[in-house]
Amino acid sequence: MRICVDTCILIGILKDEDADFQNILYMAIEENQDLKIPSAVYAELLPQFKTNIKLLNLFLKEHKIKTDSLDIESAETAALRWIEYLKNRSKINGL
């Protein structure tokens, strides 16, 4: 299965936030899932590494994440799941 990893999850790992999502990602890594990020996520992550491309690439390599193009169907699925996440988060936070 190909898993598209979102920017928020990766920033959460960098800032050591949201342990639940970190655990899901690390479990996917252990299960040798095919982890991908679209080029837009790569661009969004670069400021977190102060534009140090080598460091960003090392981070992605260590987490077994590859940059790949994202087709429309995958983008739609990612967007729908993001909306579902936001709805669930709002319910949990009482918003």
C-alpha atoms as a PDB file:
ATOM      1  CA  MET A   1       0.000   0.000   0.000  1.00  0.00           C
ATOM      2  CA  ARG A   2       1.205   3.495  -0.823  1.00  0.00           C
ATOM      3  CA  ILE A   3       0.764   5.982   2.006  1.00  0.00           C
ATOM      4  CA  CYS A   4       0.901   9.709   1.374  1.00  0.00           C
ATOM      5  CA  VAL A   5       2.351  11.444   4.431  1.00  0.00           C
ATOM      6  CA  ASP A   6       1.097  14.927   5.222  1.00  0.00           C
ATOM      7  CA  THR A   7       3.218  17.922   6.190  1.00  0.00           C
ATOM      8  CA  CYS A   8       1.540  18.262   9.602  1.00  0.00           C
ATOM      9  CA  ILE A   9       2.568  14.768  10.653  1.00  0.00           C
ATOM     10  CA  LEU A  10       6.181  15.341   9.673  1.00  0.00           C
ATOM     11  CA  ILE A  11       6.321  18.711  11.415  1.00  0.00           C
ATOM     12  CA  GLY A  12       4.797  17.021  14.460  1.00  0.00           C
ATOM     13  CA  ILE A  13       7.694  14.575  14.429  1.00  0.00           C
ATOM     14  CA  LEU A  14      10.221  17.387  14.120  1.00  0.00           C
ATOM     15  CA  LYS A  15       8.633  19.239  17.044  1.00  0.00           C
ATOM     16  CA  ASP A  16       7.939  16.024  19.001  1.00  0.00           C
ATOM     17  CA  GLU A  17       4.186  16.647  19.058  1.00  0.00           C
ATOM     18  CA  ASP A  18       1.149  14.399  18.589  1.00  0.00           C
ATOM     19  CA  ALA A  19       2.486  11.036  19.722  1.00  0.00           C
ATOM     20  CA  ASP A  20      -0.496   9.158  18.270  1.00  0.00           C
ATOM     21  CA  PHE A  21       0.320  10.190  14.706  1.00  0.00           C
ATOM     22  CA  GLN A  22       4.031   9.627  15.297  1.00  0.00           C
ATOM     23  CA  ASN A  23       3.271   6.075  16.394  1.00  0.00           C
ATOM     24  CA  ILE A  24       1.152   5.450  13.303  1.00  0.00           C
ATOM     25  CA  LEU A  25       3.966   6.670  11.059  1.00  0.00           C
ATOM     26  CA  TYR A  26       6.618   4.646  12.884  1.00  0.00           C
ATOM     27  CA  MET A  27       4.423   1.541  12.686  1.00  0.00           C
ATOM     28  CA  ALA A  28       4.095   2.091   8.919  1.00  0.00           C
ATOM     29  CA  ILE A  29       7.893   2.384   8.702  1.00  0.00           C
ATOM     30  CA  GLU A  30       8.320  -0.888  10.628  1.00  0.00           C
ATOM     31  CA  GLU A  31       5.820  -2.578   8.307  1.00  0.00           C
ATOM     32  CA  ASN A  32       7.836  -1.373   5.282  1.00  0.00           C
ATOM     33  CA  GLN A  33       4.886   0.551   3.870  1.00  0.00           C
ATOM     34  CA  ASP A  34       5.546   2.590   0.743  1.00  0.00           C
ATOM     35  CA  LEU A  35       5.684   6.096   2.253  1.00  0.00           C
ATOM     36  CA  LYS A  36       5.508   9.038  -0.134  1.00  0.00           C
ATOM     37  CA  ILE A  37       5.247  12.785  -0.013  1.00  0.00           C
ATOM     38  CA  PRO A  38       4.270  14.952  -2.964  1.00  0.00           C
ATOM     39  CA  SER A  39       6.625  17.712  -4.017  1.00  0.00           C
ATOM     40  CA  ALA A  40       4.342  20.283  -2.325  1.00  0.00           C
ATOM     41  CA  VAL A  41       4.985  18.636   1.061  1.00  0.00           C
ATOM     42  CA  TYR A  42       8.714  18.649   0.326  1.00  0.00           C
ATOM     43  CA  ALA A  43       8.488  22.399  -0.322  1.00  0.00           C
ATOM     44  CA  GLU A  44       6.472  22.945   2.875  1.00  0.00           C
ATOM     45  CA  LEU A  45       9.071  21.055   4.927  1.00  0.00           C
ATOM     46  CA  LEU A  46      12.108  22.885   3.591  1.00  0.00           C
ATOM     47  CA  PRO A  47      11.656  25.974   5.828  1.00  0.00           C
ATOM     48  CA  GLN A  48      11.672  23.661   8.871  1.00  0.00           C
ATOM     49  CA  PHE A  49      15.216  22.713   7.870  1.00  0.00           C
ATOM     50  CA  LYS A  50      16.226  26.337   7.259  1.00  0.00           C
ATOM     51  CA  THR A  51      16.496  25.488   3.536  1.00  0.00           C
ATOM     52  CA  ASN A  52      19.172  22.847   4.247  1.00  0.00           C
ATOM     53  CA  ILE A  53      18.283  20.433   1.445  1.00  0.00           C
ATOM     54  CA  LYS A  54      20.827  17.812   2.527  1.00  0.00           C
ATOM     55  CA  LEU A  55      19.376  17.728   6.046  1.00  0.00           C
ATOM     56  CA  LEU A  56      15.803  17.456   4.738  1.00  0.00           C
ATOM     57  CA  ASN A  57      16.799  14.625   2.399  1.00  0.00           C
ATOM     58  CA  LEU A  58      18.547  12.842   5.290  1.00  0.00           C
ATOM     59  CA  PHE A  59      15.422  13.180   7.447  1.00  0.00           C
ATOM     60  CA  LEU A  60      13.265  11.718   4.686  1.00  0.00           C
ATOM     61  CA  LYS A  61      15.735   8.904   4.043  1.00  0.00           C
ATOM     62  CA  GLU A  62      15.891   8.020   7.752  1.00  0.00           C
ATOM     63  CA  HIS A  63      12.089   7.829   7.798  1.00  0.00           C
ATOM     64  CA  LYS A  64      11.981   5.835   4.542  1.00  0.00           C
ATOM     65  CA  ILE A  65       9.913   8.502   2.815  1.00  0.00           C
ATOM     66  CA  LYS A  66      10.268   9.181  -0.899  1.00  0.00           C
ATOM     67  CA  THR A  67       9.128  12.192  -2.888  1.00  0.00           C
ATOM     68  CA  ASP A  68       6.732  11.314  -5.671  1.00  0.00           C
ATOM     69  CA  SER A  69       4.178  12.961  -7.885  1.00  0.00           C
ATOM     70  CA  LEU A  70       0.624  12.871  -6.634  1.00  0.00           C
ATOM     71  CA  ASP A  71      -2.101  11.957  -9.092  1.00  0.00           C
ATOM     72  CA  ILE A  72      -5.560  13.525  -8.894  1.00  0.00           C
ATOM     73  CA  GLU A  73      -7.202  10.434  -7.371  1.00  0.00           C
ATOM     74  CA  SER A  74      -4.600  10.314  -4.596  1.00  0.00           C
ATOM     75  CA  ALA A  75      -4.952  14.064  -4.008  1.00  0.00           C
ATOM     76  CA  GLU A  76      -8.728  13.664  -3.701  1.00  0.00           C
ATOM     77  CA  THR A  77      -8.345  10.784  -1.229  1.00  0.00           C
ATOM     78  CA  ALA A  78      -5.839  12.764   0.837  1.00  0.00           C
ATOM     79  CA  ALA A  79      -8.132  15.810   0.882  1.00  0.00           C
ATOM     80  CA  LEU A  80     -11.173  13.783   1.944  1.00  0.00           C
ATOM     81  CA  ARG A  81      -9.227  12.099   4.728  1.00  0.00           C
ATOM     82  CA  TRP A  82      -7.889  15.488   5.866  1.00  0.00           C
ATOM     83  CA  ILE A  83     -11.463  16.809   6.067  1.00  0.00           C
ATOM     84  CA  GLU A  84     -12.468  13.730   8.066  1.00  0.00           C
ATOM     85  CA  TYR A  85      -9.520  14.285  10.422  1.00  0.00           C
ATOM     86  CA  LEU A  86     -10.504  17.926  10.958  1.00  0.00           C
ATOM     87  CA  LYS A  87     -14.107  16.951  11.719  1.00  0.00           C
ATOM     88  CA  ASN A  88     -12.976  14.320  14.235  1.00  0.00           C
ATOM     89  CA  ARG A  89     -10.511  16.727  15.810  1.00  0.00           C
ATOM     90  CA  SER A  90     -13.242  19.325  16.195  1.00  0.00           C
ATOM     91  CA  LYS A  91     -15.484  16.787  17.952  1.00  0.00           C
ATOM     92  CA  ILE A  92     -12.679  15.781  20.316  1.00  0.00           C
ATOM     93  CA  ASN A  93     -11.784  19.387  21.134  1.00  0.00           C
ATOM     94  CA  GLY A  94     -15.460  20.290  21.525  1.00  0.00           C
ATOM     95  CA  LEU A  95     -15.476  22.796  18.681  1.00  0.00           C
END
